[in-house]
Every structure is written in C-alpha cells, then in structure tokens.
Amino acid sequence: MKEIQILVLSSHEEILKTVLRLIHSQPGWEAKGVHSSEEALNLCKQNLFDLILIGSGISDQETWDFKKEVSKINPSLPIIQHYGGGSGLLFGEISQALNLDPA
C-alpha cells in the first residue's frame, strides 16, 4: 500500500506541530509541514503530494494565490483548508478529500 503524502501549510508553529503529530499517528500517512506558501510551492515542485492541507495563519489572498500556483504544477492535486475542530474532523476531511474508506 502506497503511503499517503500530505503537505501542511500553517504559519502558527504550535498548530502546525499538532496537525503533523495527528497525521503521523495514522498508519500509512506521512506529512511535511511548512510555514509559508513559498516553501510549500518549492516542495510541490520537488515532491509528489497526494493532498495539501492549509491551516491557520494563511490569509485569504495568500491562499488564493497559492492555489492558483499549485494548479499550474498539478491541477488535480486536492487542497483543503482546516482550521480546527479536533482530530476526528481532520481525519474525516482528509479521508473525504482523498476518497478513502473511513476506518
């Protein structure tokens, strides 16, 4: 089974750490975290991700610009936004975006 690669973008250090910890707690899920859309775009050019998750601290304009640039690299790459709500919501959002069977 292929490991799911998730890129997490959030400018809030503690929230980023928490989201990464939660993702890593799931078997077969791997994540990289960055603090800026510039870092995220550079990683998208170098790596194949299955999903991008945008967290807190990223402005609406930065999100829009980021999505536009990602679509040039990989137009079918799902991008979701997550601003909290607990691990169940996070796992559900990721599973839905990737069309995974909920456990």
PDB file of N, CA and C in Angstrom:
ATOM      1  N   MET A   1       0.835  -1.190   0.000  1.00  0.00           N
ATOM      2  CA  MET A   1       0.000   0.000   0.000  1.00  0.00           C
ATOM      3  C   MET A   1       0.875   1.248   0.000  1.00  0.00           C
ATOM      4  N   LYS A   2       0.574   2.186  -0.884  1.00  0.00           N
ATOM      5  CA  LYS A   2       1.324   3.434  -1.006  1.00  0.00           C
ATOM      6  C   LYS A   2       1.051   4.342   0.185  1.00  0.00           C
ATOM      7  N   GLU A   3       2.113   4.915   0.697  1.00  0.00           N
ATOM      8  CA  GLU A   3       1.962   5.869   1.790  1.00  0.00           C
ATOM      9  C   GLU A   3       1.368   7.165   1.248  1.00  0.00           C
ATOM     10  N   ILE A   4       0.428   7.746   1.964  1.00  0.00           N
ATOM     11  CA  ILE A   4      -0.206   8.999   1.569  1.00  0.00           C
ATOM     12  C   ILE A   4       0.683  10.154   2.014  1.00  0.00           C
ATOM     13  N   GLN A   5       1.023  11.008   1.067  1.00  0.00           N
ATOM     14  CA  GLN A   5       1.901  12.148   1.322  1.00  0.00           C
ATOM     15  C   GLN A   5       1.064  13.426   1.400  1.00  0.00           C
ATOM     16  N   ILE A   6       1.149  14.105   2.544  1.00  0.00           N
ATOM     17  CA  ILE A   6       0.360  15.307   2.793  1.00  0.00           C
ATOM     18  C   ILE A   6       1.307  16.470   3.092  1.00  0.00           C
ATOM     19  N   LEU A   7       1.052  17.593   2.457  1.00  0.00           N
ATOM     20  CA  LEU A   7       1.795  18.817   2.730  1.00  0.00           C
ATOM     21  C   LEU A   7       0.889  19.725   3.561  1.00  0.00           C
ATOM     22  N   VAL A   8       1.398  20.183   4.695  1.00  0.00           N
ATOM     23  CA  VAL A   8       0.622  21.039   5.593  1.00  0.00           C
ATOM     24  C   VAL A   8       1.258  22.426   5.614  1.00  0.00           C
ATOM     25  N   LEU A   9       0.435  23.432   5.360  1.00  0.00           N
ATOM     26  CA  LEU A   9       0.876  24.826   5.352  1.00  0.00           C
ATOM     27  C   LEU A   9       0.149  25.573   6.462  1.00  0.00           C
ATOM     28  N   SER A  10       0.909  26.098   7.414  1.00  0.00           N
ATOM     29  CA  SER A  10       0.332  26.893   8.506  1.00  0.00           C
ATOM     30  C   SER A  10       1.421  27.789   9.074  1.00  0.00           C
ATOM     31  N   SER A  11       1.089  29.031   9.345  1.00  0.00           N
ATOM     32  CA  SER A  11       2.095  29.939   9.898  1.00  0.00           C
ATOM     33  C   SER A  11       2.163  29.872  11.426  1.00  0.00           C
ATOM     34  N   HIS A  12       1.258  29.142  12.057  1.00  0.00           N
ATOM     35  CA  HIS A  12       1.266  29.001  13.516  1.00  0.00           C
ATOM     36  C   HIS A  12       2.007  27.728  13.918  1.00  0.00           C
ATOM     37  N   GLU A  13       3.148  27.896  14.532  1.00  0.00           N
ATOM     38  CA  GLU A  13       4.054  26.793  14.865  1.00  0.00           C
ATOM     39  C   GLU A  13       3.378  25.688  15.681  1.00  0.00           C
ATOM     40  N   GLU A  14       2.701  26.045  16.745  1.00  0.00           N
ATOM     41  CA  GLU A  14       2.102  25.020  17.618  1.00  0.00           C
ATOM     42  C   GLU A  14       0.978  24.259  16.913  1.00  0.00           C
ATOM     43  N   ILE A  15       0.193  24.967  16.155  1.00  0.00           N
ATOM     44  CA  ILE A  15      -0.893  24.296  15.412  1.00  0.00           C
ATOM     45  C   ILE A  15      -0.298  23.381  14.355  1.00  0.00           C
ATOM     46  N   LEU A  16       0.738  23.839  13.675  1.00  0.00           N
ATOM     47  CA  LEU A  16       1.397  23.009  12.672  1.00  0.00           C
ATOM     48  C   LEU A  16       1.937  21.734  13.309  1.00  0.00           C
ATOM     49  N   LYS A  17       2.594  21.865  14.447  1.00  0.00           N
ATOM     50  CA  LYS A  17       3.126  20.688  15.154  1.00  0.00           C
ATOM     51  C   LYS A  17       2.011  19.716  15.509  1.00  0.00           C
ATOM     52  N   THR A  18       0.891  20.233  15.984  1.00  0.00           N
ATOM     53  CA  THR A  18      -0.236  19.379  16.377  1.00  0.00           C
ATOM     54  C   THR A  18      -0.812  18.645  15.175  1.00  0.00           C
ATOM     55  N   VAL A  19      -1.029  19.353  14.077  1.00  0.00           N
ATOM     56  CA  VAL A  19      -1.592  18.727  12.879  1.00  0.00           C
ATOM     57  C   VAL A  19      -0.634  17.658  12.347  1.00  0.00           C
ATOM     58  N   LEU A  20       0.659  17.950  12.324  1.00  0.00           N
ATOM     59  CA  LEU A  20       1.630  16.958  11.870  1.00  0.00           C
ATOM     60  C   LEU A  20       1.617  15.726  12.763  1.00  0.00           C
ATOM     61  N   ARG A  21       1.557  15.935  14.080  1.00  0.00           N
ATOM     62  CA  ARG A  21       1.510  14.805  15.014  1.00  0.00           C
ATOM     63  C   ARG A  21       0.279  13.945  14.761  1.00  0.00           C
ATOM     64  N   LEU A  22      -0.872  14.581  14.550  1.00  0.00           N
ATOM     65  CA  LEU A  22      -2.105  13.838  14.299  1.00  0.00           C
ATOM     66  C   LEU A  22      -2.023  13.046  12.994  1.00  0.00           C
ATOM     67  N   ILE A  23      -1.511  13.664  11.954  1.00  0.00           N
ATOM     68  CA  ILE A  23      -1.384  12.969  10.673  1.00  0.00           C
ATOM     69  C   ILE A  23      -0.432  11.784  10.805  1.00  0.00           C
ATOM     70  N   HIS A  24       0.690  12.004  11.469  1.00  0.00           N
ATOM     71  CA  HIS A  24       1.666  10.919  11.637  1.00  0.00           C
ATOM     72  C   HIS A  24       1.136   9.775  12.499  1.00  0.00           C
ATOM     73  N   SER A  25       0.085  10.025  13.264  1.00  0.00           N
ATOM     74  CA  SER A  25      -0.488   8.964  14.102  1.00  0.00           C
ATOM     75  C   SER A  25      -1.292   7.953  13.282  1.00  0.00           C
ATOM     76  N   GLN A  26      -1.566   8.285  12.031  1.00  0.00           N
ATOM     77  CA  GLN A  26      -2.365   7.409  11.178  1.00  0.00           C
ATOM     78  C   GLN A  26      -1.454   6.512  10.345  1.00  0.00           C
ATOM     79  N   PRO A  27      -1.703   5.207  10.377  1.00  0.00           N
ATOM     80  CA  PRO A  27      -0.869   4.298   9.582  1.00  0.00           C
ATOM     81  C   PRO A  27      -0.957   4.637   8.097  1.00  0.00           C
ATOM     82  N   GLY A  28       0.203   4.718   7.454  1.00  0.00           N
ATOM     83  CA  GLY A  28       0.242   4.969   6.023  1.00  0.00           C
ATOM     84  C   GLY A  28       0.134   6.428   5.629  1.00  0.00           C
ATOM     85  N   TRP A  29       0.080   7.339   6.604  1.00  0.00           N
ATOM     86  CA  TRP A  29       0.021   8.763   6.307  1.00  0.00           C
ATOM     87  C   TRP A  29       1.356   9.396   6.701  1.00  0.00           C
ATOM     88  N   GLU A  30       1.895  10.206   5.824  1.00  0.00           N
ATOM     89  CA  GLU A  30       3.133  10.938   6.085  1.00  0.00           C
ATOM     90  C   GLU A  30       2.878  12.405   5.752  1.00  0.00           C
ATOM     91  N   ALA A  31       3.503  13.309   6.503  1.00  0.00           N
ATOM     92  CA  ALA A  31       3.266  14.731   6.273  1.00  0.00           C
ATOM     93  C   ALA A  31       4.556  15.526   6.414  1.00  0.00           C
ATOM     94  N   LYS A  32       4.605  16.600   5.647  1.00  0.00           N
ATOM     95  CA  LYS A  32       5.649  17.609   5.792  1.00  0.00           C
ATOM     96  C   LYS A  32       4.941  18.909   6.101  1.00  0.00           C
ATOM     97  N   GLY A  33       5.533  19.709   6.974  1.00  0.00           N
ATOM     98  CA  GLY A  33       4.931  20.979   7.343  1.00  0.00           C
ATOM     99  C   GLY A  33       5.816  22.148   6.993  1.00  0.00           C
ATOM    100  N   VAL A  34       5.186  23.223   6.538  1.00  0.00           N
ATOM    101  CA  VAL A  34       5.900  24.459   6.205  1.00  0.00           C
ATOM    102  C   VAL A  34       5.102  25.656   6.716  1.00  0.00           C
ATOM    103  N   HIS A  35       5.812  26.787   6.821  1.00  0.00           N
ATOM    104  CA  HIS A  35       5.210  27.996   7.373  1.00  0.00           C
ATOM    105  C   HIS A  35       4.811  29.030   6.339  1.00  0.00           C
ATOM    106  N   SER A  36       5.237  28.853   5.097  1.00  0.00           N
ATOM    107  CA  SER A  36       4.917  29.860   4.083  1.00  0.00           C
ATOM    108  C   SER A  36       4.508  29.194   2.778  1.00  0.00           C
ATOM    109  N   SER A  37       3.725  29.923   1.995  1.00  0.00           N
ATOM    110  CA  SER A  37       3.296  29.394   0.700  1.00  0.00           C
ATOM    111  C   SER A  37       4.485  29.256  -0.243  1.00  0.00           C
ATOM    112  N   GLU A  38       5.486  30.093  -0.095  1.00  0.00           N
ATOM    113  CA  GLU A  38       6.690  29.975  -0.925  1.00  0.00           C
ATOM    114  C   GLU A  38       7.390  28.640  -0.667  1.00  0.00           C
ATOM    115  N   GLU A  39       7.542  28.280   0.609  1.00  0.00           N
ATOM    116  CA  GLU A  39       8.133  26.975   0.953  1.00  0.00           C
ATOM    117  C   GLU A  39       7.288  25.842   0.392  1.00  0.00           C
ATOM    118  N   ALA A  40       5.984  25.983   0.526  1.00  0.00           N
ATOM    119  CA  ALA A  40       5.071  24.943   0.050  1.00  0.00           C
ATOM    120  C   ALA A  40       5.175  24.762  -1.461  1.00  0.00           C
ATOM    121  N   LEU A  41       5.226  25.862  -2.200  1.00  0.00           N
ATOM    122  CA  LEU A  41       5.353  25.775  -3.657  1.00  0.00           C
ATOM    123  C   LEU A  41       6.655  25.108  -4.064  1.00  0.00           C
ATOM    124  N   ASN A  42       7.738  25.444  -3.382  1.00  0.00           N
ATOM    125  CA  ASN A  42       9.018  24.805  -3.680  1.00  0.00           C
ATOM    126  C   ASN A  42       8.943  23.301  -3.461  1.00  0.00           C
ATOM    127  N   LEU A  43       8.304  22.874  -2.390  1.00  0.00           N
ATOM    128  CA  LEU A  43       8.151  21.434  -2.141  1.00  0.00           C
ATOM    129  C   LEU A  43       7.263  20.777  -3.186  1.00  0.00           C
ATOM    130  N   CYS A  44       6.226  21.467  -3.615  1.00  0.00           N
ATOM    131  CA  CYS A  44       5.330  20.912  -4.639  1.00  0.00           C
ATOM    132  C   CYS A  44       6.065  20.681  -5.953  1.00  0.00           C
ATOM    133  N   LYS A  45       7.055  21.502  -6.228  1.00  0.00           N
ATOM    134  CA  LYS A  45       7.830  21.351  -7.458  1.00  0.00           C
ATOM    135  C   LYS A  45       8.794  20.168  -7.369  1.00  0.00           C
ATOM    136  N   GLN A  46       9.149  19.773  -6.148  1.00  0.00           N
ATOM    137  CA  GLN A  46      10.148  18.724  -5.940  1.00  0.00           C
ATOM    138  C   GLN A  46       9.553  17.380  -5.540  1.00  0.00           C
ATOM    139  N   ASN A  47       8.332  17.380  -5.019  1.00  0.00           N
ATOM    140  CA  ASN A  47       7.752  16.165  -4.447  1.00  0.00           C
ATOM    141  C   ASN A  47       6.347  15.929  -4.977  1.00  0.00           C
ATOM    142  N   LEU A  48       5.959  14.685  -4.929  1.00  0.00           N
ATOM    143  CA  LEU A  48       4.587  14.330  -5.292  1.00  0.00           C
ATOM    144  C   LEU A  48       3.774  14.185  -4.014  1.00  0.00           C
ATOM    145  N   PHE A  49       2.822  15.086  -3.832  1.00  0.00           N
ATOM    146  CA  PHE A  49       1.935  15.015  -2.684  1.00  0.00           C
ATOM    147  C   PHE A  49       0.567  14.536  -3.144  1.00  0.00           C
ATOM    148  N   ASP A  50      -0.142  13.884  -2.238  1.00  0.00           N
ATOM    149  CA  ASP A  50      -1.499  13.431  -2.523  1.00  0.00           C
ATOM    150  C   ASP A  50      -2.524  14.475  -2.118  1.00  0.00           C
ATOM    151  N   LEU A  51      -2.109  15.387  -1.219  1.00  0.00           N
ATOM    152  CA  LEU A  51      -3.034  16.366  -0.656  1.00  0.00           C
ATOM    153  C   LEU A  51      -2.243  17.514  -0.058  1.00  0.00           C
ATOM    154  N   ILE A  52      -2.810  18.715  -0.149  1.00  0.00           N
ATOM    155  CA  ILE A  52      -2.271  19.863   0.575  1.00  0.00           C
ATOM    156  C   ILE A  52      -3.344  20.309   1.556  1.00  0.00           C
ATOM    157  N   LEU A  53      -2.926  20.524   2.784  1.00  0.00           N
ATOM    158  CA  LEU A  53      -3.822  20.995   3.830  1.00  0.00           C
ATOM    159  C   LEU A  53      -3.354  22.384   4.251  1.00  0.00           C
ATOM    160  N   ILE A  54      -4.236  23.359   4.154  1.00  0.00           N
ATOM    161  CA  ILE A  54      -3.919  24.725   4.569  1.00  0.00           C
ATOM    162  C   ILE A  54      -4.551  24.964   5.932  1.00  0.00           C
ATOM    163  N   GLY A  55      -3.714  25.365   6.875  1.00  0.00           N
ATOM    164  CA  GLY A  55      -4.186  25.610   8.232  1.00  0.00           C
ATOM    165  C   GLY A  55      -4.235  27.092   8.548  1.00  0.00           C
ATOM    166  N   SER A  56      -4.269  27.374   9.807  1.00  0.00           N
ATOM    167  CA  SER A  56      -4.452  28.749  10.269  1.00  0.00           C
ATOM    168  C   SER A  56      -3.247  29.626   9.967  1.00  0.00           C
ATOM    169  N   GLY A  57      -3.521  30.929   9.904  1.00  0.00           N
ATOM    170  CA  GLY A  57      -2.475  31.904   9.722  1.00  0.00           C
ATOM    171  C   GLY A  57      -2.162  32.242   8.278  1.00  0.00           C
ATOM    172  N   ILE A  58      -2.873  31.640   7.337  1.00  0.00           N
ATOM    173  CA  ILE A  58      -2.661  31.920   5.922  1.00  0.00           C
ATOM    174  C   ILE A  58      -3.833  32.778   5.452  1.00  0.00           C
ATOM    175  N   SER A  59      -3.534  33.965   4.959  1.00  0.00           N
ATOM    176  CA  SER A  59      -4.598  34.898   4.573  1.00  0.00           C
ATOM    177  C   SER A  59      -5.379  34.377   3.374  1.00  0.00           C
ATOM    178  N   ASP A  60      -6.565  34.930   3.182  1.00  0.00           N
ATOM    179  CA  ASP A  60      -7.385  34.547   2.031  1.00  0.00           C
ATOM    180  C   ASP A  60      -6.660  34.827   0.719  1.00  0.00           C
ATOM    181  N   GLN A  61      -6.006  35.974   0.629  1.00  0.00           N
ATOM    182  CA  GLN A  61      -5.286  36.322  -0.600  1.00  0.00           C
ATOM    183  C   GLN A  61      -4.120  35.364  -0.840  1.00  0.00           C
ATOM    184  N   GLU A  62      -3.367  35.062   0.211  1.00  0.00           N
ATOM    185  CA  GLU A  62      -2.246  34.129   0.073  1.00  0.00           C
ATOM    186  C   GLU A  62      -2.750  32.747  -0.320  1.00  0.00           C
ATOM    187  N   THR A  63      -3.865  32.330   0.256  1.00  0.00           N
ATOM    188  CA  THR A  63      -4.465  31.035  -0.090  1.00  0.00           C
ATOM    189  C   THR A  63      -4.866  31.015  -1.555  1.00  0.00           C
ATOM    190  N   TRP A  64      -5.526  32.063  -2.011  1.00  0.00           N
ATOM    191  CA  TRP A  64      -5.968  32.134  -3.406  1.00  0.00           C
ATOM    192  C   TRP A  64      -4.769  32.081  -4.351  1.00  0.00           C
ATOM    193  N   ASP A  65      -3.745  32.895  -4.056  1.00  0.00           N
ATOM    194  CA  ASP A  65      -2.539  32.927  -4.893  1.00  0.00           C
ATOM    195  C   ASP A  65      -1.841  31.565  -4.888  1.00  0.00           C
ATOM    196  N   PHE A  66      -1.774  30.957  -3.733  1.00  0.00           N
ATOM    197  CA  PHE A  66      -1.128  29.649  -3.603  1.00  0.00           C
ATOM    198  C   PHE A  66      -1.866  28.593  -4.435  1.00  0.00           C
ATOM    199  N   LYS A  67      -3.182  28.558  -4.311  1.00  0.00           N
ATOM    200  CA  LYS A  67      -3.975  27.583  -5.074  1.00  0.00           C
ATOM    201  C   LYS A  67      -3.779  27.771  -6.573  1.00  0.00           C
ATOM    202  N   LYS A  68      -3.712  29.016  -7.001  1.00  0.00           N
ATOM    203  CA  LYS A  68      -3.510  29.329  -8.419  1.00  0.00           C
ATOM    204  C   LYS A  68      -2.164  28.783  -8.895  1.00  0.00           C
ATOM    205  N   GLU A  69      -1.114  28.966  -8.113  1.00  0.00           N
ATOM    206  CA  GLU A  69       0.216  28.486  -8.481  1.00  0.00           C
ATOM    207  C   GLU A  69       0.293  26.958  -8.445  1.00  0.00           C
ATOM    208  N   VAL A  70      -0.327  26.348  -7.458  1.00  0.00           N
ATOM    209  CA  VAL A  70      -0.322  24.880  -7.369  1.00  0.00           C
ATOM    210  C   VAL A  70      -1.038  24.282  -8.574  1.00  0.00           C
ATOM    211  N   SER A  71      -2.112  24.918  -9.004  1.00  0.00           N
ATOM    212  CA  SER A  71      -2.860  24.388 -10.150  1.00  0.00           C
ATOM    213  C   SER A  71      -2.010  24.369 -11.422  1.00  0.00           C
ATOM    214  N   LYS A  72      -1.001  25.227 -11.494  1.00  0.00           N
ATOM    215  CA  LYS A  72      -0.075  25.215 -12.636  1.00  0.00           C
ATOM    216  C   LYS A  72       0.870  24.010 -12.565  1.00  0.00           C
ATOM    217  N   ILE A  73       1.184  23.579 -11.349  1.00  0.00           N
ATOM    218  CA  ILE A  73       2.089  22.455 -11.136  1.00  0.00           C
ATOM    219  C   ILE A  73       1.343  21.135 -11.261  1.00  0.00           C
ATOM    220  N   ASN A  74       0.189  21.063 -10.598  1.00  0.00           N
ATOM    221  CA  ASN A  74      -0.605  19.831 -10.590  1.00  0.00           C
ATOM    222  C   ASN A  74      -2.078  20.212 -10.411  1.00  0.00           C
ATOM    223  N   PRO A  75      -2.814  20.363 -11.510  1.00  0.00           N
ATOM    224  CA  PRO A  75      -4.202  20.832 -11.421  1.00  0.00           C
ATOM    225  C   PRO A  75      -5.151  19.883 -10.683  1.00  0.00           C
ATOM    226  N   SER A  76      -4.779  18.625 -10.551  1.00  0.00           N
ATOM    227  CA  SER A  76      -5.679  17.677  -9.885  1.00  0.00           C
ATOM    228  C   SER A  76      -5.341  17.456  -8.405  1.00  0.00           C
ATOM    229  N   LEU A  77      -4.350  18.161  -7.897  1.00  0.00           N
ATOM    230  CA  LEU A  77      -3.945  17.998  -6.502  1.00  0.00           C
ATOM    231  C   LEU A  77      -4.985  18.621  -5.577  1.00  0.00           C
ATOM    232  N   PRO A  78      -5.606  17.810  -4.695  1.00  0.00           N
ATOM    233  CA  PRO A  78      -6.606  18.375  -3.782  1.00  0.00           C
ATOM    234  C   PRO A  78      -5.960  19.293  -2.743  1.00  0.00           C
ATOM    235  N   ILE A  79      -6.624  20.412  -2.504  1.00  0.00           N
ATOM    236  CA  ILE A  79      -6.205  21.363  -1.473  1.00  0.00           C
ATOM    237  C   ILE A  79      -7.407  21.611  -0.585  1.00  0.00           C
ATOM    238  N   ILE A  80      -7.232  21.353   0.717  1.00  0.00           N
ATOM    239  CA  ILE A  80      -8.320  21.601   1.658  1.00  0.00           C
ATOM    240  C   ILE A  80      -7.838  22.550   2.747  1.00  0.00           C
ATOM    241  N   GLN A  81      -8.780  23.201   3.383  1.00  0.00           N
ATOM    242  CA  GLN A  81      -8.471  24.096   4.484  1.00  0.00           C
ATOM    243  C   GLN A  81      -9.006  23.480   5.773  1.00  0.00           C
ATOM    244  N   HIS A  82      -8.177  23.556   6.819  1.00  0.00           N
ATOM    245  CA  HIS A  82      -8.564  23.024   8.123  1.00  0.00           C
ATOM    246  C   HIS A  82      -8.143  24.019   9.192  1.00  0.00           C
ATOM    247  N   TYR A  83      -9.124  24.483   9.958  1.00  0.00           N
ATOM    248  CA  TYR A  83      -8.839  25.481  10.988  1.00  0.00           C
ATOM    249  C   TYR A  83      -9.140  24.986  12.393  1.00  0.00           C
ATOM    250  N   GLY A  84      -9.280  23.696  12.569  1.00  0.00           N
ATOM    251  CA  GLY A  84      -9.523  23.155  13.894  1.00  0.00           C
ATOM    252  C   GLY A  84     -10.772  22.304  13.915  1.00  0.00           C
ATOM    253  N   GLY A  85     -11.161  21.894  15.087  1.00  0.00           N
ATOM    254  CA  GLY A  85     -12.356  21.080  15.221  1.00  0.00           C
ATOM    255  C   GLY A  85     -12.063  19.670  15.695  1.00  0.00           C
ATOM    256  N   GLY A  86     -10.809  19.405  16.015  1.00  0.00           N
ATOM    257  CA  GLY A  86     -10.463  18.106  16.568  1.00  0.00           C
ATOM    258  C   GLY A  86      -9.965  17.126  15.530  1.00  0.00           C
ATOM    259  N   SER A  87      -9.359  16.060  16.046  1.00  0.00           N
ATOM    260  CA  SER A  87      -8.731  15.075  15.166  1.00  0.00           C
ATOM    261  C   SER A  87      -9.747  14.338  14.311  1.00  0.00           C
ATOM    262  N   GLY A  88     -10.929  14.075  14.831  1.00  0.00           N
ATOM    263  CA  GLY A  88     -11.944  13.373  14.043  1.00  0.00           C
ATOM    264  C   GLY A  88     -12.327  14.143  12.801  1.00  0.00           C
ATOM    265  N   LEU A  89     -12.494  15.442  12.942  1.00  0.00           N
ATOM    266  CA  LEU A  89     -12.822  16.291  11.799  1.00  0.00           C
ATOM    267  C   LEU A  89     -11.658  16.319  10.809  1.00  0.00           C
ATOM    268  N   LEU A  90     -10.445  16.458  11.312  1.00  0.00           N
ATOM    269  CA  LEU A  90      -9.260  16.472  10.453  1.00  0.00           C
ATOM    270  C   LEU A  90      -9.165  15.181   9.647  1.00  0.00           C
ATOM    271  N   PHE A  91      -9.281  14.048  10.315  1.00  0.00           N
ATOM    272  CA  PHE A  91      -9.182  12.762   9.626  1.00  0.00           C
ATOM    273  C   PHE A  91     -10.310  12.598   8.612  1.00  0.00           C
ATOM    274  N   GLY A  92     -11.498  13.062   8.960  1.00  0.00           N
ATOM    275  CA  GLY A  92     -12.639  12.984   8.053  1.00  0.00           C
ATOM    276  C   GLY A  92     -12.436  13.844   6.820  1.00  0.00           C
ATOM    277  N   GLU A  93     -11.909  15.052   7.015  1.00  0.00           N
ATOM    278  CA  GLU A  93     -11.663  15.946   5.884  1.00  0.00           C
ATOM    279  C   GLU A  93     -10.625  15.355   4.935  1.00  0.00           C
ATOM    280  N   ILE A  94      -9.563  14.804   5.494  1.00  0.00           N
ATOM    281  CA  ILE A  94      -8.515  14.197   4.666  1.00  0.00           C
ATOM    282  C   ILE A  94      -9.065  12.980   3.936  1.00  0.00           C
ATOM    283  N   SER A  95      -9.768  12.130   4.649  1.00  0.00           N
ATOM    284  CA  SER A  95     -10.333  10.923   4.041  1.00  0.00           C
ATOM    285  C   SER A  95     -11.297  11.271   2.916  1.00  0.00           C
ATOM    286  N   GLN A  96     -12.135  12.266   3.131  1.00  0.00           N
ATOM    287  CA  GLN A  96     -13.100  12.685   2.109  1.00  0.00           C
ATOM    288  C   GLN A  96     -12.380  13.259   0.890  1.00  0.00           C
ATOM    289  N   ALA A  97     -11.394  14.098   1.115  1.00  0.00           N
ATOM    290  CA  ALA A  97     -10.659  14.718   0.002  1.00  0.00           C
ATOM    291  C   ALA A  97      -9.933  13.682  -0.848  1.00  0.00           C
ATOM    292  N   LEU A  98      -9.491  12.593  -0.219  1.00  0.00           N
ATOM    293  CA  LEU A  98      -8.755  11.551  -0.930  1.00  0.00           C
ATOM    294  C   LEU A  98      -9.624  10.348  -1.298  1.00  0.00           C
ATOM    295  N   ASN A  99     -10.915  10.458  -1.026  1.00  0.00           N
ATOM    296  CA  ASN A  99     -11.860   9.366  -1.293  1.00  0.00           C
ATOM    297  C   ASN A  99     -11.423   8.057  -0.643  1.00  0.00           C
ATOM    298  N   LEU A 100     -11.011   8.158   0.631  1.00  0.00           N
ATOM    299  CA  LEU A 100     -10.590   6.984   1.390  1.00  0.00           C
ATOM    300  C   LEU A 100     -11.781   6.420   2.137  1.00  0.00           C
ATOM    301  N   ASP A 101     -11.766   5.127   2.352  1.00  0.00           N
ATOM    302  CA  ASP A 101     -12.787   4.495   3.186  1.00  0.00           C
ATOM    303  C   ASP A 101     -12.540   4.894   4.625  1.00  0.00           C
ATOM    304  N   PRO A 102     -13.523   5.466   5.318  1.00  0.00           N
ATOM    305  CA  PRO A 102     -13.313   5.792   6.737  1.00  0.00           C
ATOM    306  C   PRO A 102     -13.158   4.505   7.535  1.00  0.00           C
ATOM    307  N   ALA A 103     -12.210   4.527   8.456  1.00  0.00           N
ATOM    308  CA  ALA A 103     -11.947   3.334   9.278  1.00  0.00           C
ATOM    309  C   ALA A 103     -12.984   3.153  10.343  1.00  0.00           C
TER     310      ALA A 103
END
